[in-house]
PDB file of N, CA and C in Angstrom:
ATOM      1  N   MET A   1     178.153 261.200 131.215  1.00  0.00           N
ATOM      2  CA  MET A   1     179.411 261.599 131.727  1.00  0.00           C
ATOM      3  C   MET A   1     180.236 262.567 131.035  1.00  0.00           C
ATOM      4  N   VAL A   2     180.855 263.498 131.683  1.00  0.00           N
ATOM      5  CA  VAL A   2     181.615 264.459 131.121  1.00  0.00           C
ATOM      6  C   VAL A   2     183.023 263.928 131.112  1.00  0.00           C
ATOM      7  N   ASP A   3     183.748 264.068 129.950  1.00  0.00           N
ATOM      8  CA  ASP A   3     185.061 263.515 129.700  1.00  0.00           C
ATOM      9  C   ASP A   3     186.100 264.626 129.706  1.00  0.00           C
ATOM     10  N   GLN A   4     186.184 265.425 130.768  1.00  0.00           N
ATOM     11  CA  GLN A   4     187.194 266.553 130.734  1.00  0.00           C
ATOM     12  C   GLN A   4     187.909 266.518 132.059  1.00  0.00           C
ATOM     13  N   ASN A   5     189.273 266.905 131.952  1.00  0.00           N
ATOM     14  CA  ASN A   5     190.116 266.964 133.040  1.00  0.00           C
ATOM     15  C   ASN A   5     189.798 268.254 133.772  1.00  0.00           C
ATOM     16  N   ILE A   6     190.187 268.205 135.072  1.00  0.00           N
ATOM     17  CA  ILE A   6     189.964 269.517 135.820  1.00  0.00           C
ATOM     18  C   ILE A   6     191.443 269.747 136.321  1.00  0.00           C
ATOM     19  N   PRO A   7     191.899 271.000 135.980  1.00  0.00           N
ATOM     20  CA  PRO A   7     193.302 271.344 136.249  1.00  0.00           C
ATOM     21  C   PRO A   7     193.391 271.742 137.746  1.00  0.00           C
ATOM     22  N   PHE A   8     194.554 271.672 138.265  1.00  0.00           N
ATOM     23  CA  PHE A   8     194.778 271.949 139.693  1.00  0.00           C
ATOM     24  C   PHE A   8     194.335 273.382 139.883  1.00  0.00           C
ATOM     25  N   GLN A   9     193.574 273.545 140.993  1.00  0.00           N
ATOM     26  CA  GLN A   9     193.088 274.909 141.456  1.00  0.00           C
ATOM     27  C   GLN A   9     192.860 275.047 142.933  1.00  0.00           C
ATOM     28  N   VAL A  10     193.144 276.193 143.425  1.00  0.00           N
ATOM     29  CA  VAL A  10     192.763 276.403 144.892  1.00  0.00           C
ATOM     30  C   VAL A  10     191.464 277.230 144.822  1.00  0.00           C
ATOM     31  N   ILE A  11     190.542 276.713 145.710  1.00  0.00           N
ATOM     32  CA  ILE A  11     189.211 277.302 145.897  1.00  0.00           C
ATOM     33  C   ILE A  11     189.151 278.316 147.036  1.00  0.00           C
ATOM     34  N   ASP A  12     189.070 279.626 146.765  1.00  0.00           N
ATOM     35  CA  ASP A  12     188.952 280.572 147.737  1.00  0.00           C
ATOM     36  C   ASP A  12     187.547 280.943 147.989  1.00  0.00           C
ATOM     37  N   TRP A  13     186.929 280.239 148.907  1.00  0.00           N
ATOM     38  CA  TRP A  13     185.471 280.278 149.238  1.00  0.00           C
ATOM     39  C   TRP A  13     185.042 281.787 149.521  1.00  0.00           C
ATOM     40  N   ASP A  14     185.970 282.582 149.951  1.00  0.00           N
ATOM     41  CA  ASP A  14     185.571 283.897 150.263  1.00  0.00           C
ATOM     42  C   ASP A  14     185.123 284.679 149.016  1.00  0.00           C
ATOM     43  N   THR A  15     185.639 284.215 147.885  1.00  0.00           N
ATOM     44  CA  THR A  15     185.344 284.853 146.537  1.00  0.00           C
ATOM     45  C   THR A  15     184.107 284.312 146.028  1.00  0.00           C
ATOM     46  N   ILE A  16     183.504 283.337 146.548  1.00  0.00           N
ATOM     47  CA  ILE A  16     182.278 282.771 145.921  1.00  0.00           C
ATOM     48  C   ILE A  16     181.208 283.077 146.684  1.00  0.00           C
ATOM     49  N   SER A  17     180.169 283.791 145.960  1.00  0.00           N
ATOM     50  CA  SER A  17     178.995 284.401 146.634  1.00  0.00           C
ATOM     51  C   SER A  17     177.974 283.381 147.159  1.00  0.00           C
ATOM     52  N   LYS A  18     177.179 283.766 148.163  1.00  0.00           N
ATOM     53  CA  LYS A  18     176.181 282.745 148.713  1.00  0.00           C
ATOM     54  C   LYS A  18     174.948 283.015 148.007  1.00  0.00           C
ATOM     55  N   THR A  19     174.147 281.919 147.685  1.00  0.00           N
ATOM     56  CA  THR A  19     172.858 281.932 147.266  1.00  0.00           C
ATOM     57  C   THR A  19     171.926 281.329 148.385  1.00  0.00           C
ATOM     58  N   GLU A  20     170.707 281.894 148.465  1.00  0.00           N
ATOM     59  CA  GLU A  20     169.711 281.449 149.522  1.00  0.00           C
ATOM     60  C   GLU A  20     168.752 280.459 148.900  1.00  0.00           C
ATOM     61  N   HIS A  21     168.431 279.408 149.662  1.00  0.00           N
ATOM     62  CA  HIS A  21     167.475 278.377 149.399  1.00  0.00           C
ATOM     63  C   HIS A  21     166.592 278.101 150.501  1.00  0.00           C
ATOM     64  N   LYS A  22     165.415 278.526 150.463  1.00  0.00           N
ATOM     65  CA  LYS A  22     164.401 278.272 151.611  1.00  0.00           C
ATOM     66  C   LYS A  22     164.037 276.857 151.698  1.00  0.00           C
ATOM     67  N   GLY A  23     164.034 276.470 152.972  1.00  0.00           N
ATOM     68  CA  GLY A  23     163.524 275.085 153.271  1.00  0.00           C
ATOM     69  C   GLY A  23     162.107 275.129 153.605  1.00  0.00           C
ATOM     70  N   GLU A  24     161.638 273.931 153.973  1.00  0.00           N
ATOM     71  CA  GLU A  24     160.185 273.990 154.539  1.00  0.00           C
ATOM     72  C   GLU A  24     160.240 274.814 155.767  1.00  0.00           C
ATOM     73  N   THR A  25     161.213 274.695 156.624  1.00  0.00           N
ATOM     74  CA  THR A  25     161.549 275.713 157.567  1.00  0.00           C
ATOM     75  C   THR A  25     163.062 276.024 157.552  1.00  0.00           C
ATOM     76  N   GLY A  26     163.442 277.247 157.844  1.00  0.00           N
ATOM     77  CA  GLY A  26     164.852 277.626 157.821  1.00  0.00           C
ATOM     78  C   GLY A  26     165.344 277.928 156.403  1.00  0.00           C
ATOM     79  N   ILE A  27     166.618 278.311 156.270  1.00  0.00           N
ATOM     80  CA  ILE A  27     167.211 278.685 155.104  1.00  0.00           C
ATOM     81  C   ILE A  27     168.539 277.941 154.919  1.00  0.00           C
ATOM     82  N   ALA A  28     168.808 277.592 153.756  1.00  0.00           N
ATOM     83  CA  ALA A  28     170.201 277.097 153.330  1.00  0.00           C
ATOM     84  C   ALA A  28     170.899 278.118 152.495  1.00  0.00           C
ATOM     85  N   PHE A  29     172.177 278.313 152.791  1.00  0.00           N
ATOM     86  CA  PHE A  29     173.097 279.204 151.966  1.00  0.00           C
ATOM     87  C   PHE A  29     174.071 278.397 151.315  1.00  0.00           C
ATOM     88  N   TRP A  30     174.182 278.438 149.973  1.00  0.00           N
ATOM     89  CA  TRP A  30     175.079 277.660 149.247  1.00  0.00           C
ATOM     90  C   TRP A  30     176.126 278.522 148.604  1.00  0.00           C
ATOM     91  N   GLN A  31     177.367 278.097 148.608  1.00  0.00           N
ATOM     92  CA  GLN A  31     178.447 278.765 147.780  1.00  0.00           C
ATOM     93  C   GLN A  31     178.838 277.491 146.908  1.00  0.00           C
ATOM     94  N   THR A  32     178.780 277.804 145.574  1.00  0.00           N
ATOM     95  CA  THR A  32     178.856 276.689 144.642  1.00  0.00           C
ATOM     96  C   THR A  32     179.937 276.889 143.611  1.00  0.00           C
ATOM     97  N   LEU A  33     180.777 275.849 143.383  1.00  0.00           N
ATOM     98  CA  LEU A  33     181.644 275.892 142.313  1.00  0.00           C
ATOM     99  C   LEU A  33     181.331 274.785 141.346  1.00  0.00           C
ATOM    100  N   GLN A  34     180.976 275.106 140.138  1.00  0.00           N
ATOM    101  CA  GLN A  34     180.534 274.172 139.112  1.00  0.00           C
ATOM    102  C   GLN A  34     181.613 273.955 138.187  1.00  0.00           C
ATOM    103  N   LEU A  35     182.036 272.670 138.038  1.00  0.00           N
ATOM    104  CA  LEU A  35     183.120 272.291 137.077  1.00  0.00           C
ATOM    105  C   LEU A  35     182.508 271.265 136.182  1.00  0.00           C
ATOM    106  N   PRO A  36     183.200 270.915 135.100  1.00  0.00           N
ATOM    107  CA  PRO A  36     182.620 269.893 134.167  1.00  0.00           C
ATOM    108  C   PRO A  36     182.317 268.533 134.870  1.00  0.00           C
ATOM    109  N   GLY A  37     181.071 268.277 135.057  1.00  0.00           N
ATOM    110  CA  GLY A  37     180.681 266.987 135.625  1.00  0.00           C
ATOM    111  C   GLY A  37     180.871 266.896 137.056  1.00  0.00           C
ATOM    112  N   LEU A  38     181.097 268.068 137.805  1.00  0.00           N
ATOM    113  CA  LEU A  38     181.365 268.024 139.223  1.00  0.00           C
ATOM    114  C   LEU A  38     180.838 269.322 139.818  1.00  0.00           C
ATOM    115  N   ARG A  39     180.128 269.169 140.914  1.00  0.00           N
ATOM    116  CA  ARG A  39     179.735 270.394 141.729  1.00  0.00           C
ATOM    117  C   ARG A  39     180.243 270.207 143.094  1.00  0.00           C
ATOM    118  N   ILE A  40     180.906 271.299 143.605  1.00  0.00           N
ATOM    119  CA  ILE A  40     181.443 271.369 144.920  1.00  0.00           C
ATOM    120  C   ILE A  40     180.652 272.593 145.703  1.00  0.00           C
ATOM    121  N   ARG A  41     180.126 272.307 146.907  1.00  0.00           N
ATOM    122  CA  ARG A  41     179.507 273.385 147.566  1.00  0.00           C
ATOM    123  C   ARG A  41     179.904 273.373 148.992  1.00  0.00           C
ATOM    124  N   LEU A  42     179.985 274.568 149.565  1.00  0.00           N
ATOM    125  CA  LEU A  42     179.888 274.900 150.946  1.00  0.00           C
ATOM    126  C   LEU A  42     178.516 275.214 151.333  1.00  0.00           C
ATOM    127  N   VAL A  43     177.798 274.431 152.251  1.00  0.00           N
ATOM    128  CA  VAL A  43     176.405 274.716 152.482  1.00  0.00           C
ATOM    129  C   VAL A  43     176.267 274.947 153.991  1.00  0.00           C
ATOM    130  N   GLU A  44     175.479 275.894 154.331  1.00  0.00           N
ATOM    131  CA  GLU A  44     175.165 276.198 155.680  1.00  0.00           C
ATOM    132  C   GLU A  44     173.596 276.205 155.905  1.00  0.00           C
ATOM    133  N   TYR A  45     173.098 275.451 156.829  1.00  0.00           N
ATOM    134  CA  TYR A  45     171.764 275.318 157.126  1.00  0.00           C
ATOM    135  C   TYR A  45     171.535 276.234 158.402  1.00  0.00           C
ATOM    136  N   SER A  46     170.488 277.050 158.479  1.00  0.00           N
ATOM    137  CA  SER A  46     170.206 277.782 159.554  1.00  0.00           C
ATOM    138  C   SER A  46     169.649 276.829 160.631  1.00  0.00           C
ATOM    139  N   ALA A  47     169.565 277.352 161.887  1.00  0.00           N
ATOM    140  CA  ALA A  47     168.950 276.626 162.984  1.00  0.00           C
ATOM    141  C   ALA A  47     167.514 276.402 162.541  1.00  0.00           C
ATOM    142  N   GLY A  48     166.954 275.283 162.894  1.00  0.00           N
ATOM    143  CA  GLY A  48     165.587 274.921 162.549  1.00  0.00           C
ATOM    144  C   GLY A  48     165.263 274.540 161.091  1.00  0.00           C
ATOM    145  N   TYR A  49     166.336 274.279 160.296  1.00  0.00           N
ATOM    146  CA  TYR A  49     166.214 273.956 158.915  1.00  0.00           C
ATOM    147  C   TYR A  49     165.683 272.569 158.728  1.00  0.00           C
ATOM    148  N   LEU A  50     164.741 272.502 157.681  1.00  0.00           N
ATOM    149  CA  LEU A  50     164.147 271.193 157.171  1.00  0.00           C
ATOM    150  C   LEU A  50     164.051 271.439 155.773  1.00  0.00           C
ATOM    151  N   ALA A  51     164.693 270.546 154.968  1.00  0.00           N
ATOM    152  CA  ALA A  51     164.634 270.611 153.549  1.00  0.00           C
ATOM    153  C   ALA A  51     163.146 270.558 153.046  1.00  0.00           C
ATOM    154  N   ASP A  52     162.847 271.206 151.936  1.00  0.00           N
ATOM    155  CA  ASP A  52     161.485 271.249 151.410  1.00  0.00           C
ATOM    156  C   ASP A  52     161.225 270.176 150.391  1.00  0.00           C
ATOM    157  N   HIS A  53     162.212 269.200 150.205  1.00  0.00           N
ATOM    158  CA  HIS A  53     161.857 268.147 149.150  1.00  0.00           C
ATOM    159  C   HIS A  53     162.828 266.963 149.652  1.00  0.00           C
ATOM    160  N   TRP A  54     162.379 265.715 149.036  1.00  0.00           N
ATOM    161  CA  TRP A  54     163.131 264.576 149.198  1.00  0.00           C
ATOM    162  C   TRP A  54     164.116 264.512 147.900  1.00  0.00           C
ATOM    163  N   CYS A  55     165.348 264.440 148.292  1.00  0.00           N
ATOM    164  CA  CYS A  55     166.338 264.389 147.177  1.00  0.00           C
ATOM    165  C   CYS A  55     166.672 262.936 146.799  1.00  0.00           C
ATOM    166  N   LYS A  56     166.951 262.662 145.493  1.00  0.00           N
ATOM    167  CA  LYS A  56     167.367 261.267 145.109  1.00  0.00           C
ATOM    168  C   LYS A  56     168.682 261.461 144.528  1.00  0.00           C
ATOM    169  N   LYS A  57     169.478 262.633 144.482  1.00  0.00           N
ATOM    170  CA  LYS A  57     170.709 262.928 143.806  1.00  0.00           C
ATOM    171  C   LYS A  57     171.762 262.223 144.813  1.00  0.00           C
ATOM    172  N   GLY A  58     172.759 261.711 144.262  1.00  0.00           N
ATOM    173  CA  GLY A  58     173.984 261.225 145.031  1.00  0.00           C
ATOM    174  C   GLY A  58     174.824 262.272 145.483  1.00  0.00           C
ATOM    175  N   HIS A  59     175.445 262.174 146.562  1.00  0.00           N
ATOM    176  CA  HIS A  59     176.291 263.202 147.254  1.00  0.00           C
ATOM    177  C   HIS A  59     177.352 262.514 148.037  1.00  0.00           C
ATOM    178  N   ILE A  60     178.429 263.157 148.193  1.00  0.00           N
ATOM    179  CA  ILE A  60     179.300 263.026 149.278  1.00  0.00           C
ATOM    180  C   ILE A  60     179.172 264.297 150.198  1.00  0.00           C
ATOM    181  N   VAL A  61     178.747 264.010 151.435  1.00  0.00           N
ATOM    182  CA  VAL A  61     178.458 265.022 152.324  1.00  0.00           C
ATOM    183  C   VAL A  61     179.401 264.975 153.572  1.00  0.00           C
ATOM    184  N   HIS A  62     180.303 265.940 153.855  1.00  0.00           N
ATOM    185  CA  HIS A  62     181.104 266.005 155.077  1.00  0.00           C
ATOM    186  C   HIS A  62     180.733 267.186 155.858  1.00  0.00           C
ATOM    187  N   CYS A  63     180.616 266.863 157.169  1.00  0.00           N
ATOM    188  CA  CYS A  63     180.067 267.828 158.173  1.00  0.00           C
ATOM    189  C   CYS A  63     181.312 268.636 158.680  1.00  0.00           C
ATOM    190  N   LEU A  64     181.334 269.911 158.517  1.00  0.00           N
ATOM    191  CA  LEU A  64     182.580 270.747 158.950  1.00  0.00           C
ATOM    192  C   LEU A  64     182.327 271.297 160.370  1.00  0.00           C
ATOM    193  N   GLU A  65     181.076 271.678 160.674  1.00  0.00           N
ATOM    194  CA  GLU A  65     180.638 272.270 162.014  1.00  0.00           C
ATOM    195  C   GLU A  65     179.280 271.894 162.174  1.00  0.00           C
ATOM    196  N   GLY A  66     178.926 271.650 163.501  1.00  0.00           N
ATOM    197  CA  GLY A  66     177.514 271.258 163.858  1.00  0.00           C
ATOM    198  C   GLY A  66     177.108 269.859 163.651  1.00  0.00           C
ATOM    199  N   GLU A  67     175.824 269.801 163.632  1.00  0.00           N
ATOM    200  CA  GLU A  67     175.171 268.408 163.471  1.00  0.00           C
ATOM    201  C   GLU A  67     174.099 268.560 162.432  1.00  0.00           C
ATOM    202  N   VAL A  68     173.694 267.474 161.563  1.00  0.00           N
ATOM    203  CA  VAL A  68     172.586 267.472 160.773  1.00  0.00           C
ATOM    204  C   VAL A  68     172.109 265.979 160.744  1.00  0.00           C
ATOM    205  N   ILE A  69     170.734 265.927 160.644  1.00  0.00           N
ATOM    206  CA  ILE A  69     170.104 264.637 160.626  1.00  0.00           C
ATOM    207  C   ILE A  69     169.670 264.311 159.073  1.00  0.00           C
ATOM    208  N   THR A  70     170.244 263.317 158.597  1.00  0.00           N
ATOM    209  CA  THR A  70     169.797 262.984 157.219  1.00  0.00           C
ATOM    210  C   THR A  70     168.603 261.889 157.385  1.00  0.00           C
ATOM    211  N   GLU A  71     167.473 262.238 156.906  1.00  0.00           N
ATOM    212  CA  GLU A  71     166.387 261.277 157.084  1.00  0.00           C
ATOM    213  C   GLU A  71     166.001 260.761 155.625  1.00  0.00           C
ATOM    214  N   GLN A  72     165.817 259.418 155.571  1.00  0.00           N
ATOM    215  CA  GLN A  72     165.489 258.718 154.375  1.00  0.00           C
ATOM    216  C   GLN A  72     163.984 258.590 154.451  1.00  0.00           C
ATOM    217  N   GLU A  73     163.380 258.497 153.113  1.00  0.00           N
ATOM    218  CA  GLU A  73     161.993 258.447 153.008  1.00  0.00           C
ATOM    219  C   GLU A  73     161.411 257.123 153.753  1.00  0.00           C
ATOM    220  N   SER A  74     162.261 256.144 153.887  1.00  0.00           N
ATOM    221  CA  SER A  74     161.855 254.899 154.619  1.00  0.00           C
ATOM    222  C   SER A  74     161.674 255.170 156.112  1.00  0.00           C
ATOM    223  N   GLY A  75     162.123 256.394 156.607  1.00  0.00           N
ATOM    224  CA  GLY A  75     162.016 256.690 158.002  1.00  0.00           C
ATOM    225  C   GLY A  75     163.414 256.463 158.775  1.00  0.00           C
ATOM    226  N   GLU A  76     164.414 255.814 158.128  1.00  0.00           N
ATOM    227  CA  GLU A  76     165.655 255.803 158.791  1.00  0.00           C
ATOM    228  C   GLU A  76     166.334 257.130 158.768  1.00  0.00           C
ATOM    229  N   LYS A  77     167.031 257.326 159.960  1.00  0.00           N
ATOM    230  CA  LYS A  77     167.687 258.621 160.229  1.00  0.00           C
ATOM    231  C   LYS A  77     169.076 258.387 160.596  1.00  0.00           C
ATOM    232  N   SER A  78     170.033 259.282 160.112  1.00  0.00           N
ATOM    233  CA  SER A  78     171.417 259.221 160.361  1.00  0.00           C
ATOM    234  C   SER A  78     171.895 260.555 160.924  1.00  0.00           C
ATOM    235  N   LEU A  79     172.659 260.638 161.953  1.00  0.00           N
ATOM    236  CA  LEU A  79     173.258 261.727 162.422  1.00  0.00           C
ATOM    237  C   LEU A  79     174.697 262.013 161.827  1.00  0.00           C
ATOM    238  N   LEU A  80     174.824 263.086 161.273  1.00  0.00           N
ATOM    239  CA  LEU A  80     176.082 263.543 160.717  1.00  0.00           C
ATOM    240  C   LEU A  80     176.640 264.551 161.647  1.00  0.00           C
ATOM    241  N   LYS A  81     177.756 264.302 162.309  1.00  0.00           N
ATOM    242  CA  LYS A  81     178.311 265.399 163.224  1.00  0.00           C
ATOM    243  C   LYS A  81     179.699 265.780 162.708  1.00  0.00           C
ATOM    244  N   GLU A  82     180.278 266.769 163.230  1.00  0.00           N
ATOM    245  CA  GLU A  82     181.524 267.270 162.826  1.00  0.00           C
ATOM    246  C   GLU A  82     182.514 266.155 162.642  1.00  0.00           C
ATOM    247  N   GLY A  83     183.197 266.263 161.431  1.00  0.00           N
ATOM    248  CA  GLY A  83     184.099 265.167 161.095  1.00  0.00           C
ATOM    249  C   GLY A  83     183.656 263.872 160.483  1.00  0.00           C
ATOM    250  N   THR A  84     182.323 263.739 160.335  1.00  0.00           N
ATOM    251  CA  THR A  84     181.843 262.580 159.732  1.00  0.00           C
ATOM    252  C   THR A  84     181.239 262.919 158.335  1.00  0.00           C
ATOM    253  N   THR A  85     181.057 261.749 157.495  1.00  0.00           N
ATOM    254  CA  THR A  85     180.819 261.953 156.070  1.00  0.00           C
ATOM    255  C   THR A  85     179.665 260.785 155.677  1.00  0.00           C
ATOM    256  N   TYR A  86     178.853 261.142 154.785  1.00  0.00           N
ATOM    257  CA  TYR A  86     178.024 260.026 154.135  1.00  0.00           C
ATOM    258  C   TYR A  86     178.200 260.173 152.663  1.00  0.00           C
ATOM    259  N   VAL A  87     178.011 259.057 152.006  1.00  0.00           N
ATOM    260  CA  VAL A  87     178.144 259.016 150.517  1.00  0.00           C
ATOM    261  C   VAL A  87     176.950 258.170 150.042  1.00  0.00           C
ATOM    262  N   VAL A  88     176.380 258.505 148.904  1.00  0.00           N
ATOM    263  CA  VAL A  88     175.333 257.674 148.217  1.00  0.00           C
ATOM    264  C   VAL A  88     175.330 258.038 146.769  1.00  0.00           C
ATOM    265  N   SER A  89     175.040 257.028 145.939  1.00  0.00           N
ATOM    266  CA  SER A  89     174.891 257.291 144.521  1.00  0.00           C
ATOM    267  C   SER A  89     173.451 257.755 144.154  1.00  0.00           C
ATOM    268  N   ASP A  90     173.413 258.313 143.002  1.00  0.00           N
ATOM    269  CA  ASP A  90     172.139 258.831 142.451  1.00  0.00           C
ATOM    270  C   ASP A  90     171.165 257.727 142.521  1.00  0.00           C
ATOM    271  N   GLU A  91     169.917 258.038 142.734  1.00  0.00           N
ATOM    272  CA  GLU A  91     168.667 257.194 142.769  1.00  0.00           C
ATOM    273  C   GLU A  91     168.655 256.001 143.691  1.00  0.00           C
ATOM    274  N   LEU A  92     169.613 255.992 144.733  1.00  0.00           N
ATOM    275  CA  LEU A  92     169.681 254.860 145.677  1.00  0.00           C
ATOM    276  C   LEU A  92     168.921 255.252 146.956  1.00  0.00           C
ATOM    277  N   SER A  93     168.619 256.522 147.083  1.00  0.00           N
ATOM    278  CA  SER A  93     167.965 256.899 148.325  1.00  0.00           C
ATOM    279  C   SER A  93     167.091 258.202 148.182  1.00  0.00           C
ATOM    280  N   SER A  94     166.139 258.381 148.815  1.00  0.00           N
ATOM    281  CA  SER A  94     165.393 259.552 148.845  1.00  0.00           C
ATOM    282  C   SER A  94     165.550 260.052 150.270  1.00  0.00           C
ATOM    283  N   HIS A  95     166.261 261.222 150.381  1.00  0.00           N
ATOM    284  CA  HIS A  95     166.684 261.721 151.677  1.00  0.00           C
ATOM    285  C   HIS A  95     166.528 263.233 151.755  1.00  0.00           C
ATOM    286  N   ARG A  96     166.420 263.661 153.018  1.00  0.00           N
ATOM    287  CA  ARG A  96     166.394 265.176 153.200  1.00  0.00           C
ATOM    288  C   ARG A  96     167.178 265.478 154.484  1.00  0.00           C
ATOM    289  N   SER A  97     167.377 266.748 154.657  1.00  0.00           N
ATOM    290  CA  SER A  97     168.198 267.111 155.822  1.00  0.00           C
ATOM    291  C   SER A  97     167.410 268.014 156.700  1.00  0.00           C
ATOM    292  N   ALA A  98     167.796 267.806 158.010  1.00  0.00           N
ATOM    293  CA  ALA A  98     167.147 268.622 158.987  1.00  0.00           C
ATOM    294  C   ALA A  98     168.234 268.978 160.141  1.00  0.00           C
ATOM    295  N   CYS A  99     168.210 270.153 160.639  1.00  0.00           N
ATOM    296  CA  CYS A  99     169.167 270.488 161.747  1.00  0.00           C
ATOM    297  C   CYS A  99     168.433 271.391 162.714  1.00  0.00           C
ATOM    298  N   GLU A 100     168.755 271.115 163.996  1.00  0.00           N
ATOM    299  CA  GLU A 100     168.283 272.016 165.003  1.00  0.00           C
ATOM    300  C   GLU A 100     169.049 273.208 165.287  1.00  0.00           C
ATOM    301  N   ASN A 101     170.397 273.136 165.258  1.00  0.00           N
ATOM    302  CA  ASN A 101     171.081 274.378 165.736  1.00  0.00           C
ATOM    303  C   ASN A 101     171.882 274.945 164.560  1.00  0.00           C
ATOM    304  N   GLY A 102     171.883 274.640 163.402  1.00  0.00           N
ATOM    305  CA  GLY A 102     172.645 275.071 162.304  1.00  0.00           C
ATOM    306  C   GLY A 102     173.790 274.087 161.999  1.00  0.00           C
ATOM    307  N   VAL A 103     174.337 274.105 160.786  1.00  0.00           N
ATOM    308  CA  VAL A 103     175.333 273.157 160.408  1.00  0.00           C
ATOM    309  C   VAL A 103     176.146 273.799 159.142  1.00  0.00           C
ATOM    310  N   ARG A 104     177.257 273.362 159.068  1.00  0.00           N
ATOM    311  CA  ARG A 104     178.101 273.822 157.794  1.00  0.00           C
ATOM    312  C   ARG A 104     178.618 272.470 157.195  1.00  0.00           C
ATOM    313  N   LEU A 105     178.408 272.236 155.974  1.00  0.00           N
ATOM    314  CA  LEU A 105     178.708 271.221 155.227  1.00  0.00           C
ATOM    315  C   LEU A 105     179.479 271.353 153.939  1.00  0.00           C
ATOM    316  N   LEU A 106     180.367 270.480 153.622  1.00  0.00           N
ATOM    317  CA  LEU A 106     181.029 270.418 152.268  1.00  0.00           C
ATOM    318  C   LEU A 106     180.328 269.248 151.457  1.00  0.00           C
ATOM    319  N   ILE A 107     179.720 269.621 150.312  1.00  0.00           N
ATOM    320  CA  ILE A 107     178.817 268.726 149.609  1.00  0.00           C
ATOM    321  C   ILE A 107     179.435 268.628 148.191  1.00  0.00           C
ATOM    322  N   ILE A 108     179.737 267.396 147.756  1.00  0.00           N
ATOM    323  CA  ILE A 108     180.383 267.073 146.382  1.00  0.00           C
ATOM    324  C   ILE A 108     179.375 266.120 145.718  1.00  0.00           C
ATOM    325  N   ASP A 109     179.020 266.488 144.510  1.00  0.00           N
ATOM    326  CA  ASP A 109     178.227 265.602 143.559  1.00  0.00           C
ATOM    327  C   ASP A 109     178.605 265.753 142.205  1.00  0.00           C
ATOM    328  N   GLY A 110     178.177 264.846 141.410  1.00  0.00           N
ATOM    329  CA  GLY A 110     178.577 264.921 139.965  1.00  0.00           C
ATOM    330  C   GLY A 110     178.353 263.572 139.221  1.00  0.00           C
ATOM    331  N   ASP A 111     178.825 263.582 138.100  1.00  0.00           N
ATOM    332  CA  ASP A 111     178.633 262.429 137.208  1.00  0.00           C
ATOM    333  C   ASP A 111     179.149 261.099 137.679  1.00  0.00           C
ATOM    334  N   PHE A 112     180.172 261.150 138.572  1.00  0.00           N
ATOM    335  CA  PHE A 112     180.823 259.951 139.018  1.00  0.00           C
ATOM    336  C   PHE A 112     179.852 259.224 139.983  1.00  0.00           C
ATOM    337  N   LEU A 113     178.688 259.779 140.445  1.00  0.00           N
ATOM    338  CA  LEU A 113     177.804 259.214 141.391  1.00  0.00           C
ATOM    339  C   LEU A 113     176.611 258.547 140.640  1.00  0.00           C
ATOM    340  N   LYS A 114     176.482 258.733 139.245  1.00  0.00           N
ATOM    341  CA  LYS A 114     175.392 258.151 138.508  1.00  0.00           C
ATOM    342  C   LYS A 114     175.463 256.623 138.469  1.00  0.00           C
ATOM    343  N   LEU A 115     174.286 256.058 138.586  1.00  0.00           N
ATOM    344  CA  LEU A 115     174.248 254.433 138.568  1.00  0.00           C
ATOM    345  C   LEU A 115     174.831 253.912 137.176  1.00  0.00           C
ATOM    346  N   LYS A 116     175.444 252.877 137.322  1.00  0.00           N
ATOM    347  CA  LYS A 116     175.933 252.248 136.140  1.00  0.00           C
ATOM    348  C   LYS A 116     175.184 250.959 135.838  1.00  0.00           C
TER     349      LYS A 116
END
């Protein structure tokens, strides 16, 4: 765990460049703000996106626009649509994202989601 305070700040997403991450199909574009023990991202998945890996990291994921299906390795699927959020701690789920028409998400993760 990082033991540092984060001062008040406004995030101007227009000043944060996008990085491209290819999925099994489609592309994800990330805008990332990395702070001590905390990562905040605006993420856009293109139409037809399917993640190329199963993720075990914990997240808070809030859907800003569109819809995304979060599939767990167990086969369970959850629909996240505009205005809904999911949360999970590190190592409690193997999950991946898929979307048909594109989606825009706010994703927050960091040390506070590690198992205790």
